[in-house]
């Protein structure tokens, strides 16, 4: 029984290292200054891009949940709830991203809303709460 848990923990560490490598590669591409081009809607290429980006950028869900909780202006703010909600949403977005990567030859509509994780970030036109 202990051996199964050790294998599972090793698998989780491997996944974490893989996603960290994906984020590092994405950061290197962004630093190069090459503008990102997203394929047109309902194509296999867009599904592959969407899957990779959602898997790599899924931690934005935690930030989004915390930002949403701060806007509610409660005392005390329930950050534990926000982190849990964000972690749950992050896991879902990452798993859906992996699914979209594996099934990219079959074009389909996005499974999550918003389509890309960065759409959860506050825009510059929104007032910042302090």
N, C-alpha and C. Protein backbone atom coordinates (compact mmCIF):
# COMPACT_ATOMS: atom_id res chain seq x y z
N UNK A 1 0.83 -1.19 0.00
CA UNK A 1 0.00 0.00 0.00
C UNK A 1 0.87 1.26 0.00
N UNK A 2 1.94 1.22 0.77
CA UNK A 2 2.83 2.37 0.84
C UNK A 2 3.49 2.64 -0.51
N UNK A 3 3.79 1.60 -1.25
CA UNK A 3 4.44 1.74 -2.55
C UNK A 3 3.55 2.47 -3.55
N UNK A 4 2.25 2.23 -3.49
CA UNK A 4 1.32 2.92 -4.38
C UNK A 4 1.33 4.42 -4.11
N UNK A 5 1.33 4.80 -2.84
CA UNK A 5 1.35 6.22 -2.50
C UNK A 5 2.65 6.88 -2.94
N UNK A 6 3.76 6.16 -2.81
CA UNK A 6 5.04 6.72 -3.23
C UNK A 6 5.05 6.95 -4.74
N UNK A 7 4.49 6.01 -5.49
CA UNK A 7 4.40 6.17 -6.94
C UNK A 7 3.51 7.35 -7.31
N UNK A 8 2.41 7.52 -6.59
CA UNK A 8 1.50 8.62 -6.83
C UNK A 8 2.17 9.96 -6.54
N UNK A 9 2.91 10.02 -5.43
CA UNK A 9 3.62 11.25 -5.07
C UNK A 9 4.68 11.56 -6.12
N UNK A 10 5.40 10.56 -6.59
CA UNK A 10 6.40 10.77 -7.65
C UNK A 10 5.74 11.29 -8.92
N UNK A 11 4.56 10.74 -9.23
CA UNK A 11 3.82 11.20 -10.41
C UNK A 11 3.42 12.66 -10.26
N UNK A 12 2.95 13.06 -9.07
CA UNK A 12 2.58 14.46 -8.83
C UNK A 12 3.79 15.38 -8.94
N UNK A 13 4.93 14.94 -8.44
CA UNK A 13 6.15 15.74 -8.56
C UNK A 13 6.53 15.89 -10.02
N UNK A 14 6.41 14.80 -10.78
CA UNK A 14 6.71 14.86 -12.22
C UNK A 14 5.80 15.85 -12.93
N UNK A 15 4.49 15.81 -12.60
CA UNK A 15 3.55 16.75 -13.22
C UNK A 15 3.91 18.19 -12.87
N UNK A 16 4.25 18.42 -11.60
CA UNK A 16 4.63 19.76 -11.18
C UNK A 16 5.85 20.27 -11.92
N UNK A 17 6.84 19.40 -12.10
CA UNK A 17 8.05 19.79 -12.82
C UNK A 17 7.73 20.05 -14.29
N UNK A 18 6.82 19.27 -14.87
CA UNK A 18 6.44 19.45 -16.27
C UNK A 18 5.76 20.80 -16.46
N UNK A 19 4.81 21.13 -15.57
CA UNK A 19 4.13 22.41 -15.69
C UNK A 19 5.08 23.56 -15.43
N UNK A 20 6.01 23.40 -14.49
CA UNK A 20 7.00 24.45 -14.24
C UNK A 20 7.86 24.67 -15.48
N UNK A 21 8.23 23.58 -16.15
CA UNK A 21 9.00 23.70 -17.39
C UNK A 21 8.20 24.39 -18.48
N UNK A 22 6.89 24.11 -18.54
CA UNK A 22 6.02 24.76 -19.53
C UNK A 22 5.95 26.26 -19.27
N UNK A 23 5.82 26.64 -18.01
CA UNK A 23 5.76 28.06 -17.68
C UNK A 23 7.09 28.75 -18.00
N UNK A 24 8.19 28.06 -17.74
CA UNK A 24 9.50 28.64 -18.04
C UNK A 24 9.66 28.83 -19.55
N UNK A 25 9.22 27.86 -20.34
CA UNK A 25 9.30 27.98 -21.79
C UNK A 25 8.40 29.10 -22.29
N UNK A 26 7.21 29.23 -21.73
CA UNK A 26 6.30 30.30 -22.14
C UNK A 26 6.88 31.66 -21.79
N UNK A 27 7.54 31.77 -20.64
CA UNK A 27 8.17 33.03 -20.25
C UNK A 27 9.30 33.38 -21.20
N UNK A 28 10.07 32.39 -21.63
CA UNK A 28 11.17 32.64 -22.57
C UNK A 28 10.64 33.14 -23.90
N UNK A 29 9.53 32.59 -24.35
CA UNK A 29 8.93 33.04 -25.61
C UNK A 29 8.43 34.48 -25.47
N UNK A 30 7.82 34.79 -24.32
CA UNK A 30 7.32 36.14 -24.11
C UNK A 30 8.46 37.15 -24.03
N UNK A 31 9.58 36.75 -23.42
CA UNK A 31 10.72 37.64 -23.32
C UNK A 31 11.34 37.91 -24.69
N UNK A 32 11.21 36.96 -25.60
CA UNK A 32 11.78 37.14 -26.93
C UNK A 32 11.07 38.24 -27.70
N UNK A 33 9.88 38.62 -27.26
CA UNK A 33 9.17 39.72 -27.89
C UNK A 33 8.35 39.33 -29.10
N UNK A 34 8.27 38.05 -29.40
CA UNK A 34 7.48 37.62 -30.55
C UNK A 34 6.00 37.67 -30.17
N UNK A 35 5.20 38.37 -30.95
CA UNK A 35 3.78 38.44 -30.61
C UNK A 35 3.11 37.07 -30.79
N UNK A 36 2.26 36.74 -29.85
CA UNK A 36 1.56 35.46 -29.92
C UNK A 36 0.40 35.58 -30.90
N UNK A 37 0.23 34.57 -31.71
CA UNK A 37 -0.89 34.54 -32.66
C UNK A 37 -1.77 33.35 -32.31
N UNK A 38 -3.03 33.63 -32.11
CA UNK A 38 -4.00 32.59 -31.79
C UNK A 38 -4.71 32.23 -33.09
N UNK A 39 -4.85 30.95 -33.35
CA UNK A 39 -5.52 30.48 -34.57
C UNK A 39 -6.99 30.86 -34.55
N UNK A 40 -7.62 30.82 -35.71
CA UNK A 40 -9.03 31.17 -35.80
C UNK A 40 -9.88 30.14 -35.05
N UNK A 41 -11.08 30.56 -34.69
CA UNK A 41 -11.94 29.73 -33.85
C UNK A 41 -12.35 28.42 -34.53
N UNK A 42 -12.67 27.44 -33.71
CA UNK A 42 -13.16 26.13 -34.14
C UNK A 42 -12.20 25.39 -35.06
N UNK A 43 -10.91 25.52 -34.82
CA UNK A 43 -9.92 24.76 -35.58
C UNK A 43 -9.12 23.88 -34.62
N UNK A 44 -8.47 22.88 -35.17
CA UNK A 44 -7.65 21.99 -34.35
C UNK A 44 -6.46 22.73 -33.76
N UNK A 45 -5.89 23.66 -34.51
CA UNK A 45 -4.74 24.43 -34.02
C UNK A 45 -5.14 25.27 -32.82
N UNK A 46 -6.31 25.87 -32.88
CA UNK A 46 -6.78 26.68 -31.75
C UNK A 46 -7.01 25.81 -30.53
N UNK A 47 -7.54 24.62 -30.73
CA UNK A 47 -7.78 23.72 -29.61
C UNK A 47 -6.46 23.31 -28.97
N UNK A 48 -5.44 23.05 -29.77
CA UNK A 48 -4.13 22.70 -29.23
C UNK A 48 -3.53 23.88 -28.46
N UNK A 49 -3.62 25.08 -29.01
CA UNK A 49 -3.13 26.27 -28.32
C UNK A 49 -3.88 26.49 -27.02
N UNK A 50 -5.19 26.38 -27.09
CA UNK A 50 -6.02 26.59 -25.91
C UNK A 50 -5.69 25.58 -24.83
N UNK A 51 -5.49 24.32 -25.22
CA UNK A 51 -5.15 23.29 -24.25
C UNK A 51 -3.82 23.55 -23.58
N UNK A 52 -2.80 23.89 -24.36
CA UNK A 52 -1.49 24.18 -23.78
C UNK A 52 -1.55 25.39 -22.87
N UNK A 53 -2.17 26.47 -23.34
CA UNK A 53 -2.22 27.69 -22.55
C UNK A 53 -3.03 27.52 -21.28
N UNK A 54 -4.13 26.79 -21.34
CA UNK A 54 -4.93 26.57 -20.14
C UNK A 54 -4.21 25.67 -19.14
N UNK A 55 -3.48 24.67 -19.62
CA UNK A 55 -2.72 23.82 -18.71
C UNK A 55 -1.58 24.60 -18.07
N UNK A 56 -0.87 25.40 -18.85
CA UNK A 56 0.30 26.13 -18.35
C UNK A 56 -0.09 27.31 -17.46
N UNK A 57 -1.19 27.99 -17.79
CA UNK A 57 -1.57 29.20 -17.07
C UNK A 57 -2.70 28.99 -16.07
N UNK A 58 -3.01 27.75 -15.75
CA UNK A 58 -4.10 27.47 -14.82
C UNK A 58 -3.92 28.08 -13.43
N UNK A 59 -2.70 28.32 -12.91
CA UNK A 59 -2.58 28.96 -11.60
C UNK A 59 -3.20 30.36 -11.53
N UNK A 60 -3.51 30.97 -12.66
CA UNK A 60 -4.18 32.27 -12.64
C UNK A 60 -5.53 32.15 -11.94
N UNK A 61 -6.13 30.96 -11.93
CA UNK A 61 -7.42 30.75 -11.27
C UNK A 61 -7.35 31.10 -9.78
N UNK A 62 -6.24 30.77 -9.12
CA UNK A 62 -6.10 31.08 -7.69
C UNK A 62 -6.06 32.59 -7.49
N UNK A 63 -5.28 33.27 -8.31
CA UNK A 63 -5.20 34.73 -8.23
C UNK A 63 -6.56 35.36 -8.47
N UNK A 64 -7.29 34.84 -9.44
CA UNK A 64 -8.61 35.37 -9.75
C UNK A 64 -9.58 35.19 -8.59
N UNK A 65 -9.54 34.02 -7.96
CA UNK A 65 -10.43 33.77 -6.82
C UNK A 65 -10.09 34.68 -5.65
N UNK A 66 -8.81 34.90 -5.41
CA UNK A 66 -8.41 35.81 -4.33
C UNK A 66 -8.84 37.24 -4.64
N UNK A 67 -8.68 37.68 -5.87
CA UNK A 67 -9.08 39.03 -6.28
C UNK A 67 -10.60 39.20 -6.10
N UNK A 68 -11.34 38.19 -6.46
CA UNK A 68 -12.81 38.22 -6.32
C UNK A 68 -13.20 38.33 -4.84
N UNK A 69 -12.48 37.62 -3.97
CA UNK A 69 -12.78 37.63 -2.55
C UNK A 69 -12.45 38.99 -1.93
N UNK A 70 -11.38 39.62 -2.40
CA UNK A 70 -11.00 40.94 -1.87
C UNK A 70 -12.08 41.97 -2.22
N UNK A 71 -12.71 41.85 -3.38
CA UNK A 71 -13.75 42.80 -3.80
C UNK A 71 -15.00 42.71 -2.94
N UNK A 72 -15.21 41.59 -2.26
CA UNK A 72 -16.45 41.42 -1.47
C UNK A 72 -16.43 42.26 -0.21
N UNK A 73 -15.26 42.74 0.20
CA UNK A 73 -15.14 43.69 1.31
C UNK A 73 -15.77 43.17 2.61
N UNK A 74 -15.44 41.97 2.98
CA UNK A 74 -15.91 41.39 4.24
C UNK A 74 -14.80 41.42 5.26
N UNK A 75 -15.19 41.36 6.52
CA UNK A 75 -14.17 41.19 7.56
C UNK A 75 -14.53 39.98 8.37
N UNK A 76 -13.68 39.07 8.60
CA UNK A 76 -12.38 38.91 7.96
C UNK A 76 -12.57 38.29 6.58
N UNK A 77 -11.71 38.60 5.65
CA UNK A 77 -11.83 38.00 4.33
C UNK A 77 -11.54 36.50 4.40
N UNK A 78 -12.33 35.73 3.72
CA UNK A 78 -12.16 34.27 3.78
C UNK A 78 -11.20 33.83 2.69
N UNK A 79 -9.92 34.08 2.91
CA UNK A 79 -8.89 33.73 1.94
C UNK A 79 -8.72 32.24 1.79
N UNK A 80 -8.98 31.49 2.88
CA UNK A 80 -8.86 30.04 2.78
C UNK A 80 -9.88 29.50 1.79
N UNK A 81 -11.09 30.04 1.84
CA UNK A 81 -12.12 29.63 0.89
C UNK A 81 -11.70 29.99 -0.53
N UNK A 82 -11.15 31.20 -0.70
CA UNK A 82 -10.75 31.65 -2.04
C UNK A 82 -9.61 30.79 -2.59
N UNK A 83 -8.65 30.45 -1.76
CA UNK A 83 -7.54 29.62 -2.22
C UNK A 83 -8.05 28.23 -2.59
N UNK A 84 -8.96 27.68 -1.78
CA UNK A 84 -9.53 26.36 -2.10
C UNK A 84 -10.34 26.39 -3.38
N UNK A 85 -11.16 27.42 -3.54
CA UNK A 85 -11.96 27.56 -4.75
C UNK A 85 -11.06 27.74 -5.97
N UNK A 86 -10.03 28.56 -5.83
CA UNK A 86 -9.09 28.78 -6.93
C UNK A 86 -8.31 27.52 -7.28
N UNK A 87 -7.90 26.75 -6.26
CA UNK A 87 -7.16 25.51 -6.51
C UNK A 87 -8.04 24.49 -7.22
N UNK A 88 -9.31 24.43 -6.84
CA UNK A 88 -10.25 23.52 -7.50
C UNK A 88 -10.44 23.92 -8.96
N UNK A 89 -10.63 25.23 -9.20
CA UNK A 89 -10.80 25.72 -10.57
C UNK A 89 -9.51 25.54 -11.38
N UNK A 90 -8.35 25.72 -10.73
CA UNK A 90 -7.07 25.53 -11.41
C UNK A 90 -6.91 24.09 -11.86
N UNK A 91 -7.26 23.16 -10.98
CA UNK A 91 -7.15 21.74 -11.33
C UNK A 91 -8.06 21.40 -12.51
N UNK A 92 -9.28 21.92 -12.47
CA UNK A 92 -10.21 21.68 -13.57
C UNK A 92 -9.70 22.24 -14.88
N UNK A 93 -9.19 23.49 -14.86
CA UNK A 93 -8.68 24.11 -16.08
C UNK A 93 -7.47 23.35 -16.61
N UNK A 94 -6.59 22.90 -15.71
CA UNK A 94 -5.39 22.16 -16.14
C UNK A 94 -5.78 20.82 -16.76
N UNK A 95 -6.72 20.11 -16.13
CA UNK A 95 -7.14 18.82 -16.67
C UNK A 95 -7.85 18.97 -18.02
N UNK A 96 -8.67 20.00 -18.13
CA UNK A 96 -9.33 20.25 -19.42
C UNK A 96 -8.29 20.63 -20.47
N UNK A 97 -7.26 21.37 -20.07
CA UNK A 97 -6.18 21.70 -21.00
C UNK A 97 -5.46 20.45 -21.50
N UNK A 98 -5.19 19.53 -20.60
CA UNK A 98 -4.53 18.27 -21.00
C UNK A 98 -5.46 17.48 -21.93
N UNK A 99 -6.75 17.45 -21.61
CA UNK A 99 -7.72 16.75 -22.47
C UNK A 99 -7.73 17.38 -23.87
N UNK A 100 -7.71 18.71 -23.93
CA UNK A 100 -7.73 19.38 -25.24
C UNK A 100 -6.44 19.14 -26.02
N UNK A 101 -5.32 19.02 -25.33
CA UNK A 101 -4.06 18.70 -26.01
C UNK A 101 -4.14 17.30 -26.62
N UNK A 102 -4.65 16.35 -25.84
CA UNK A 102 -4.70 14.97 -26.30
C UNK A 102 -5.71 14.75 -27.43
N UNK A 103 -6.77 15.56 -27.46
CA UNK A 103 -7.82 15.37 -28.46
C UNK A 103 -7.88 16.51 -29.47
N UNK A 104 -6.75 17.21 -29.68
CA UNK A 104 -6.79 18.38 -30.55
C UNK A 104 -7.17 18.10 -32.00
N UNK A 105 -6.95 16.89 -32.56
CA UNK A 105 -7.38 16.70 -33.95
C UNK A 105 -8.89 16.85 -34.16
N UNK A 106 -9.65 16.70 -33.10
CA UNK A 106 -11.11 16.83 -33.19
C UNK A 106 -11.47 18.24 -32.73
N UNK A 107 -11.71 19.15 -33.64
CA UNK A 107 -12.03 20.53 -33.29
C UNK A 107 -13.38 20.60 -32.59
N UNK A 108 -13.45 21.41 -31.54
CA UNK A 108 -14.71 21.59 -30.82
C UNK A 108 -14.69 22.93 -30.11
N UNK A 109 -15.84 23.32 -29.60
CA UNK A 109 -15.97 24.58 -28.87
C UNK A 109 -15.22 24.46 -27.54
N UNK A 110 -14.87 25.60 -26.93
CA UNK A 110 -14.17 25.56 -25.63
C UNK A 110 -15.03 24.89 -24.55
N UNK A 111 -14.37 24.16 -23.65
CA UNK A 111 -15.08 23.48 -22.57
C UNK A 111 -15.18 24.35 -21.32
N UNK A 112 -14.33 25.37 -21.20
CA UNK A 112 -14.34 26.25 -20.04
C UNK A 112 -14.63 27.67 -20.48
N UNK A 113 -15.18 28.43 -19.56
CA UNK A 113 -15.45 29.85 -19.80
C UNK A 113 -14.75 30.63 -18.71
N UNK A 114 -13.97 31.63 -19.02
CA UNK A 114 -13.57 32.12 -20.32
C UNK A 114 -12.63 31.14 -21.01
N UNK A 115 -12.46 31.34 -22.30
CA UNK A 115 -11.70 30.40 -23.11
C UNK A 115 -10.24 30.30 -22.68
N UNK A 116 -9.62 31.43 -22.35
CA UNK A 116 -8.22 31.45 -21.93
C UNK A 116 -8.13 32.00 -20.51
N UNK A 117 -7.13 31.52 -19.76
CA UNK A 117 -7.00 31.89 -18.35
C UNK A 117 -6.71 33.38 -18.16
N UNK A 118 -5.99 34.01 -19.08
CA UNK A 118 -5.65 35.41 -18.88
C UNK A 118 -6.86 36.32 -18.96
N UNK A 119 -7.98 35.83 -19.48
CA UNK A 119 -9.20 36.64 -19.52
C UNK A 119 -9.79 36.82 -18.12
N UNK A 120 -9.29 36.07 -17.14
CA UNK A 120 -9.73 36.23 -15.76
C UNK A 120 -9.04 37.40 -15.06
N UNK A 121 -7.91 37.85 -15.60
CA UNK A 121 -7.17 38.93 -14.98
C UNK A 121 -7.93 40.24 -15.12
N UNK A 122 -7.82 41.12 -14.11
CA UNK A 122 -8.52 42.41 -14.22
C UNK A 122 -7.92 43.24 -15.34
N UNK A 123 -8.79 43.92 -16.07
CA UNK A 123 -8.30 44.77 -17.17
C UNK A 123 -7.83 46.09 -16.58
N UNK A 124 -7.11 46.85 -17.39
CA UNK A 124 -6.60 48.14 -16.92
C UNK A 124 -7.70 49.16 -16.70
N UNK A 125 -8.85 48.98 -17.35
CA UNK A 125 -9.95 49.92 -17.19
C UNK A 125 -10.72 49.70 -15.89
N UNK A 126 -10.59 48.52 -15.27
CA UNK A 126 -11.27 48.27 -14.00
C UNK A 126 -10.53 48.98 -12.87
N UNK A 127 -11.26 49.60 -11.95
CA UNK A 127 -10.60 50.26 -10.82
C UNK A 127 -9.99 49.22 -9.88
N UNK A 128 -8.79 49.49 -9.39
CA UNK A 128 -8.11 48.59 -8.47
C UNK A 128 -8.61 48.87 -7.06
N UNK A 129 -8.97 47.81 -6.33
CA UNK A 129 -9.39 47.98 -4.94
C UNK A 129 -8.15 48.04 -4.05
N UNK A 130 -8.23 48.83 -3.02
CA UNK A 130 -7.06 48.96 -2.15
C UNK A 130 -7.40 48.65 -0.74
